[in-house]
Amino acid sequence: MMAISLFFSLNVYQLSVQEFDRGLRGPGSGAEMRDPAADMLPEKLKALLLAEREAQYNRAKSRVISRLLLTNAVILAGGGVLSYYLARRTLQPIEEAHEAQSRFTADASHELRTPIAVMQSEIEVALMNPALTLPQAKQQLRSNLEELARLTALSEGLLRLARLEDNDLQKTVLPLNDVLQRAVQRLLPLAETKHILITTPKKIDAQVVGDQDSLVEAFVTILDNAIKYSPNSTEVALTVSQDKHAVVIRVADQGIGIKATELPHIFDRFYRADSARSKQAVTGYGLGLAIAKSIIEAHYGTITASSKPGSGTIFTITLPL
């Protein structure tokens, strides 16, 4: 910016000086007066007039220089501030991505280390027990298998997220009704154990472009979340509306709700809300909603949540038709 400003300033200065020369000094070279009418003036008066024109010439040059210096100073200051602001705006998403990556690495390491540490301690205790019986050994192996199952589930979730970031999906035209019905059918046994009624629209004519298994997985996660955090004998309502370009699916439960301070983080990887929701003794790593969000975004859709503690939660999913 300063290089461009200085280039134009030099050109403006040169053009201004040339105009001053023609206007105040006359068309010839030097400071000699070329006005024919001035030849009739007395030499003393002519000298005074020449001196006055030379003074005007110098004052005009000084004004041009001061204005150009002021303009360049303003450009330097304003350009510096603007450049800093734009640089901060440009770097902000990079910094946020770096922080998210660091947080994800730390959380993943912690979650992976926990079951490994549990297995290691249990095995060490078993090996130090000289009177270990066969039933105790079998119980130890069952406990190890449970921890291995947790490790497998965590690894599969991390791999799923990695594939979704690459957008490695086989997309076709799908009836949305089939996707939602498959998701509901998979969760009916869980809902029946808690006497929760899942209500759905009678007929959905909308069609979307996407990967059926992935979309079913996303809606299973959202419905599963609604059922797990809802009291017994309540209702989970699934509603659908559409316009010319998009279809909006809402999943509303009558559960314990989510605090306003926790809502912005529920789609973060490994995020598990504290307080009331964690008291539900629901197992998991906090990857489900992160995977669901990645699936929806891979289909060029959006997912949001709104909630009030004690009044239930509403998940809103928008998909292009």
Protein backbone atom coordinates (compact mmCIF):
# COMPACT_ATOMS: atom_id res chain seq x y z
CA MET A 1 0.00 0.00 0.00
CA MET A 2 2.80 2.42 0.87
CA ALA A 3 4.69 1.61 -2.34
CA ILE A 4 1.60 2.42 -4.42
CA SER A 5 0.94 5.57 -2.38
CA LEU A 6 4.52 6.82 -2.77
CA PHE A 7 4.45 6.12 -6.52
CA PHE A 8 1.29 8.19 -6.98
CA SER A 9 2.60 10.90 -4.62
CA LEU A 10 5.74 11.36 -6.72
CA ASN A 11 3.66 11.63 -9.89
CA VAL A 12 1.28 14.11 -8.27
CA TYR A 13 4.23 16.18 -7.03
CA GLN A 14 5.87 16.27 -10.48
CA LEU A 15 2.65 17.26 -12.25
CA SER A 16 1.92 19.92 -9.62
CA VAL A 17 5.39 21.47 -9.93
CA GLN A 18 5.08 21.57 -13.74
CA GLU A 19 1.73 23.35 -13.47
CA PHE A 20 3.15 25.82 -10.95
CA ASP A 21 6.05 26.50 -13.33
CA ARG A 22 3.67 27.26 -16.19
CA GLY A 23 1.22 29.24 -14.09
CA LEU A 24 3.56 31.27 -11.90
CA ARG A 25 6.88 31.36 -13.70
CA GLY A 26 5.73 31.35 -17.28
CA PRO A 27 6.33 28.98 -20.19
CA GLY A 28 10.14 29.48 -20.34
CA SER A 29 12.87 28.07 -18.19
CA GLY A 30 14.13 29.86 -15.09
CA ALA A 31 12.32 32.57 -13.11
CA GLU A 32 12.33 35.24 -15.80
CA MET A 33 8.93 36.87 -16.44
CA ARG A 34 7.55 36.29 -19.95
CA ASP A 35 4.40 38.41 -19.74
CA PRO A 36 4.63 41.15 -22.53
CA ALA A 37 2.52 43.53 -20.46
CA ALA A 38 5.05 43.28 -17.63
CA ASP A 39 7.80 44.73 -19.86
CA MET A 40 6.11 48.14 -19.59
CA LEU A 41 6.38 48.12 -15.77
CA PRO A 42 9.25 49.78 -13.94
CA GLU A 43 12.17 47.50 -13.16
CA LYS A 44 11.63 47.82 -9.40
CA LEU A 45 7.94 46.90 -9.65
CA LYS A 46 8.77 44.07 -12.05
CA ALA A 47 11.32 42.71 -9.56
CA LEU A 48 8.75 42.85 -6.77
CA LEU A 49 6.20 41.03 -8.93
CA LEU A 50 8.77 38.36 -9.81
CA ALA A 51 9.63 37.93 -6.13
CA GLU A 52 5.94 37.62 -5.21
CA ARG A 53 5.38 34.98 -7.90
CA GLU A 54 8.46 33.07 -6.73
CA ALA A 55 7.15 33.19 -3.15
CA GLN A 56 3.74 31.90 -4.33
CA TYR A 57 5.53 29.16 -6.24
CA ASN A 58 7.49 28.08 -3.17
CA ARG A 59 4.39 28.24 -0.94
CA ALA A 60 2.42 26.12 -3.41
CA LYS A 61 5.20 23.54 -3.52
CA SER A 62 5.33 23.49 0.29
CA ARG A 63 1.55 22.98 0.49
CA VAL A 64 1.71 20.10 -1.99
CA ILE A 65 4.58 18.47 -0.08
CA SER A 66 2.84 18.86 3.29
CA ARG A 67 -0.46 17.49 1.92
CA LEU A 68 1.31 14.51 0.33
CA LEU A 69 3.24 13.82 3.54
CA LEU A 70 0.02 14.00 5.57
CA THR A 71 -1.81 11.74 3.10
CA ASN A 72 0.97 9.15 3.19
CA ALA A 73 1.08 9.28 7.00
CA VAL A 74 -2.69 8.67 7.16
CA ILE A 75 -2.38 5.81 4.66
CA LEU A 76 0.50 4.32 6.68
CA ALA A 77 -1.40 4.51 9.97
CA GLY A 78 -4.77 3.47 8.54
CA GLY A 79 -3.23 0.75 6.40
CA GLY A 80 -1.33 -0.61 9.38
CA VAL A 81 -4.45 -0.76 11.53
CA LEU A 82 -6.52 -2.25 8.71
CA SER A 83 -3.80 -4.79 7.88
CA TYR A 84 -3.59 -5.86 11.53
CA TYR A 85 -7.38 -6.20 11.74
CA LEU A 86 -7.60 -8.24 8.53
CA ALA A 87 -4.65 -10.39 9.59
CA ARG A 88 -6.34 -11.13 12.92
CA ARG A 89 -9.58 -12.02 11.14
CA THR A 90 -7.69 -14.28 8.76
CA LEU A 91 -5.72 -16.00 11.50
CA GLN A 92 -8.66 -16.43 13.90
CA PRO A 93 -10.17 -19.53 12.23
CA ILE A 94 -6.66 -20.98 11.87
CA GLU A 95 -6.01 -20.43 15.58
CA GLU A 96 -9.40 -21.88 16.48
CA ALA A 97 -8.71 -24.92 14.30
CA HIS A 98 -5.29 -25.35 15.91
CA GLU A 99 -6.78 -25.08 19.41
CA ALA A 100 -9.53 -27.54 18.48
CA GLN A 101 -6.95 -29.95 17.08
CA SER A 102 -4.83 -29.67 20.23
CA ARG A 103 -7.88 -30.17 22.44
CA PHE A 104 -9.00 -33.13 20.34
CA THR A 105 -5.56 -34.75 20.59
CA ALA A 106 -5.47 -34.28 24.35
CA ASP A 107 -9.01 -35.60 24.81
CA ALA A 108 -8.42 -38.59 22.54
CA SER A 109 -5.21 -39.44 24.37
CA HIS A 110 -7.01 -39.25 27.71
CA GLU A 111 -9.91 -41.41 26.55
CA LEU A 112 -7.57 -43.99 25.04
CA ARG A 113 -5.31 -44.05 28.06
CA THR A 114 -8.09 -44.65 30.61
CA PRO A 115 -9.19 -48.17 29.55
CA ILE A 116 -5.57 -49.16 28.94
CA ALA A 117 -4.64 -48.05 32.46
CA VAL A 118 -7.62 -49.95 33.90
CA MET A 119 -6.63 -53.16 32.10
CA GLN A 120 -2.99 -52.78 33.11
CA SER A 121 -3.80 -52.31 36.78
CA GLU A 122 -6.29 -55.20 36.85
CA ILE A 123 -3.84 -57.56 35.12
CA GLU A 124 -1.01 -56.54 37.46
CA VAL A 125 -3.19 -57.19 40.51
CA ALA A 126 -4.26 -60.56 39.11
CA LEU A 127 -0.66 -61.59 38.40
CA MET A 128 0.41 -60.68 41.93
CA ASN A 129 -2.33 -62.89 43.41
CA PRO A 130 -0.80 -66.36 43.93
CA ALA A 131 -4.17 -67.79 44.91
CA LEU A 132 -5.98 -66.68 41.75
CA THR A 133 -8.83 -69.11 41.02
CA LEU A 134 -10.32 -69.99 37.66
CA PRO A 135 -13.59 -68.06 38.32
CA GLN A 136 -11.53 -65.01 39.32
CA ALA A 137 -9.43 -65.34 36.17
CA LYS A 138 -12.57 -65.55 34.03
CA GLN A 139 -13.99 -62.49 35.76
CA GLN A 140 -10.73 -60.68 35.04
CA LEU A 141 -10.90 -61.64 31.37
CA ARG A 142 -14.52 -60.47 31.16
CA SER A 143 -13.50 -57.11 32.63
CA ASN A 144 -10.67 -56.84 30.11
CA LEU A 145 -13.06 -57.64 27.28
CA GLU A 146 -15.34 -54.81 28.42
CA GLU A 147 -12.43 -52.37 28.33
CA LEU A 148 -11.39 -53.67 24.90
CA ALA A 149 -14.94 -53.17 23.68
CA ARG A 150 -14.76 -49.55 24.87
CA LEU A 151 -11.45 -49.09 23.05
CA THR A 152 -12.94 -50.59 19.89
CA ALA A 153 -15.97 -48.29 20.06
CA LEU A 154 -13.74 -45.27 20.58
CA SER A 155 -11.42 -46.23 17.71
CA GLU A 156 -14.38 -46.77 15.38
CA GLY A 157 -15.79 -43.37 16.33
CA LEU A 158 -12.49 -41.64 15.61
CA LEU A 159 -12.14 -43.43 12.27
CA ARG A 160 -15.72 -42.47 11.40
CA LEU A 161 -14.97 -38.82 12.05
CA ALA A 162 -11.82 -39.02 9.92
CA ARG A 163 -13.76 -40.51 6.99
CA LEU A 164 -16.49 -37.91 7.29
CA GLU A 165 -13.92 -35.10 7.16
CA ASP A 166 -12.80 -36.54 3.82
CA ASN A 167 -16.48 -36.58 2.73
CA ASP A 168 -16.09 -40.18 1.59
CA LEU A 169 -19.80 -40.90 1.08
CA GLN A 170 -21.73 -42.65 -1.69
CA LYS A 171 -24.69 -40.36 -2.32
CA THR A 172 -27.91 -41.21 -4.13
CA VAL A 173 -31.46 -39.86 -4.21
CA LEU A 174 -33.23 -41.12 -1.07
CA PRO A 175 -36.80 -40.92 0.22
CA LEU A 176 -36.49 -39.15 3.56
CA ASN A 177 -39.37 -41.24 4.92
CA ASP A 178 -37.31 -44.44 4.55
CA VAL A 179 -34.34 -42.90 6.36
CA LEU A 180 -36.42 -41.73 9.32
CA GLN A 181 -38.40 -44.97 9.57
CA ARG A 182 -35.22 -47.04 9.66
CA ALA A 183 -33.83 -44.84 12.42
CA VAL A 184 -37.03 -45.07 14.46
CA GLN A 185 -37.25 -48.87 14.06
CA ARG A 186 -33.74 -49.31 15.40
CA LEU A 187 -34.61 -47.39 18.56
CA LEU A 188 -38.06 -48.82 19.28
CA PRO A 189 -36.72 -51.48 21.70
CA LEU A 190 -34.89 -48.84 23.73
CA ALA A 191 -37.96 -46.59 23.75
CA GLU A 192 -40.21 -49.46 24.84
CA THR A 193 -37.99 -50.27 27.80
CA LYS A 194 -38.54 -46.72 29.08
CA HIS A 195 -42.19 -46.58 27.93
CA ILE A 196 -41.36 -43.63 25.65
CA LEU A 197 -43.60 -42.96 22.65
CA ILE A 198 -41.90 -41.85 19.41
CA THR A 199 -44.37 -39.92 17.25
CA THR A 200 -43.65 -39.50 13.53
CA PRO A 201 -45.47 -37.91 10.55
CA LYS A 202 -47.79 -40.28 8.69
CA LYS A 203 -46.21 -39.61 5.31
CA ILE A 204 -43.15 -37.72 4.14
CA ASP A 205 -42.81 -37.00 0.42
CA ALA A 206 -39.43 -35.25 0.56
CA GLN A 207 -36.36 -36.68 -1.15
CA VAL A 208 -32.75 -35.86 -0.36
CA VAL A 209 -29.39 -36.67 -1.92
CA GLY A 210 -27.14 -38.55 0.43
CA ASP A 211 -25.71 -41.73 1.87
CA GLN A 212 -28.54 -43.70 3.47
CA ASP A 213 -26.52 -45.52 6.12
CA SER A 214 -24.84 -42.30 7.24
CA LEU A 215 -28.10 -40.35 7.46
CA VAL A 216 -29.74 -43.19 9.37
CA GLU A 217 -26.78 -43.19 11.76
CA ALA A 218 -27.14 -39.44 12.33
CA PHE A 219 -30.86 -39.66 13.13
CA VAL A 220 -30.31 -42.73 15.31
CA THR A 221 -27.78 -40.74 17.33
CA ILE A 222 -30.15 -37.80 17.76
CA LEU A 223 -33.15 -39.98 18.65
CA ASP A 224 -31.01 -42.12 20.96
CA ASN A 225 -29.82 -38.97 22.72
CA ALA A 226 -33.43 -37.81 23.15
CA ILE A 227 -34.55 -41.18 24.57
CA LYS A 228 -31.61 -41.61 26.94
CA TYR A 229 -32.06 -38.22 28.56
CA SER A 230 -35.86 -38.39 28.81
CA PRO A 231 -37.78 -39.65 31.84
CA ASN A 232 -39.88 -42.78 31.56
CA SER A 233 -43.39 -42.57 30.08
CA THR A 234 -42.75 -39.40 28.07
CA GLU A 235 -42.82 -38.59 24.36
CA VAL A 236 -40.24 -37.90 21.66
CA ALA A 237 -41.81 -36.04 18.74
CA LEU A 238 -40.34 -36.16 15.25
CA THR A 239 -41.80 -33.55 12.88
CA VAL A 240 -40.99 -32.65 9.28
CA SER A 241 -41.64 -29.49 7.26
CA GLN A 242 -40.33 -28.35 3.90
CA ASP A 243 -40.19 -25.52 1.40
CA LYS A 244 -38.95 -25.32 -2.20
CA HIS A 245 -35.31 -25.88 -1.36
CA ALA A 246 -34.94 -27.62 2.00
CA VAL A 247 -36.56 -29.99 4.45
CA VAL A 248 -36.49 -29.32 8.20
CA ILE A 249 -36.62 -32.21 10.67
CA ARG A 250 -37.17 -31.52 14.36
CA VAL A 251 -36.67 -33.99 17.20
CA ALA A 252 -38.21 -32.75 20.44
CA ASP A 253 -38.06 -34.56 23.77
CA GLN A 254 -39.46 -33.90 27.23
CA GLY A 255 -36.21 -34.56 29.01
CA ILE A 256 -34.03 -32.75 31.48
CA GLY A 257 -32.82 -30.19 28.97
CA ILE A 258 -29.41 -28.59 28.50
CA LYS A 259 -28.03 -25.49 30.17
CA ALA A 260 -27.47 -22.43 27.99
CA THR A 261 -23.75 -22.46 28.84
CA GLU A 262 -23.46 -26.05 27.57
CA LEU A 263 -25.45 -25.69 24.33
CA PRO A 264 -22.58 -24.21 22.25
CA HIS A 265 -20.39 -27.23 23.11
CA ILE A 266 -22.67 -30.24 22.73
CA PHE A 267 -21.42 -30.92 19.19
CA ASP A 268 -17.75 -30.75 20.25
CA ARG A 269 -15.80 -33.98 20.23
CA PHE A 270 -15.52 -35.69 23.63
CA TYR A 271 -17.79 -33.11 25.24
CA ARG A 272 -19.91 -34.54 28.04
CA ALA A 273 -22.18 -32.17 29.91
CA ASP A 274 -21.77 -32.12 33.64
CA SER A 275 -24.38 -31.82 36.37
CA ALA A 276 -27.81 -33.26 35.62
CA ARG A 277 -27.06 -34.93 32.30
CA SER A 278 -24.04 -36.80 33.59
CA LYS A 279 -26.08 -38.08 36.51
CA GLN A 280 -28.14 -40.14 34.09
CA ALA A 281 -25.28 -42.72 34.10
CA VAL A 282 -25.25 -42.76 30.31
CA THR A 283 -22.09 -44.27 28.90
CA GLY A 284 -20.24 -42.87 25.92
CA TYR A 285 -17.34 -40.72 24.87
CA GLY A 286 -19.12 -37.62 23.63
CA LEU A 287 -18.52 -38.50 19.97
CA GLY A 288 -22.10 -39.27 18.92
CA LEU A 289 -23.35 -35.74 18.35
CA ALA A 290 -20.02 -34.73 16.81
CA ILE A 291 -20.37 -37.57 14.29
CA ALA A 292 -24.03 -36.66 13.63
CA LYS A 293 -23.05 -33.04 12.97
CA SER A 294 -20.27 -34.13 10.60
CA ILE A 295 -22.71 -36.37 8.70
CA ILE A 296 -25.29 -33.59 8.34
CA GLU A 297 -22.67 -31.09 7.20
CA ALA A 298 -21.26 -33.64 4.73
CA HIS A 299 -24.77 -33.57 3.19
CA TYR A 300 -24.64 -29.73 3.03
CA GLY A 301 -27.12 -29.43 5.88
CA THR A 302 -27.15 -27.84 9.31
CA ILE A 303 -27.99 -29.03 12.80
CA THR A 304 -28.77 -26.87 15.82
CA ALA A 305 -30.15 -27.42 19.30
CA SER A 306 -32.33 -25.33 21.57
CA SER A 307 -33.22 -26.19 25.13
CA LYS A 308 -34.29 -25.04 28.55
CA PRO A 309 -33.37 -27.05 31.66
CA GLY A 310 -36.38 -29.07 32.72
CA SER A 311 -38.33 -28.34 29.53
CA GLY A 312 -36.72 -30.70 27.04
CA THR A 313 -34.50 -30.22 24.03
CA ILE A 314 -35.23 -29.65 20.34
CA PHE A 315 -32.74 -30.68 17.65
CA THR A 316 -33.35 -29.03 14.28
CA ILE A 317 -31.83 -30.57 11.16
CA THR A 318 -32.04 -28.86 7.76
CA LEU A 319 -31.19 -30.77 4.58
CA PRO A 320 -31.36 -29.54 0.98
CA LEU A 321 -34.02 -31.26 -1.12
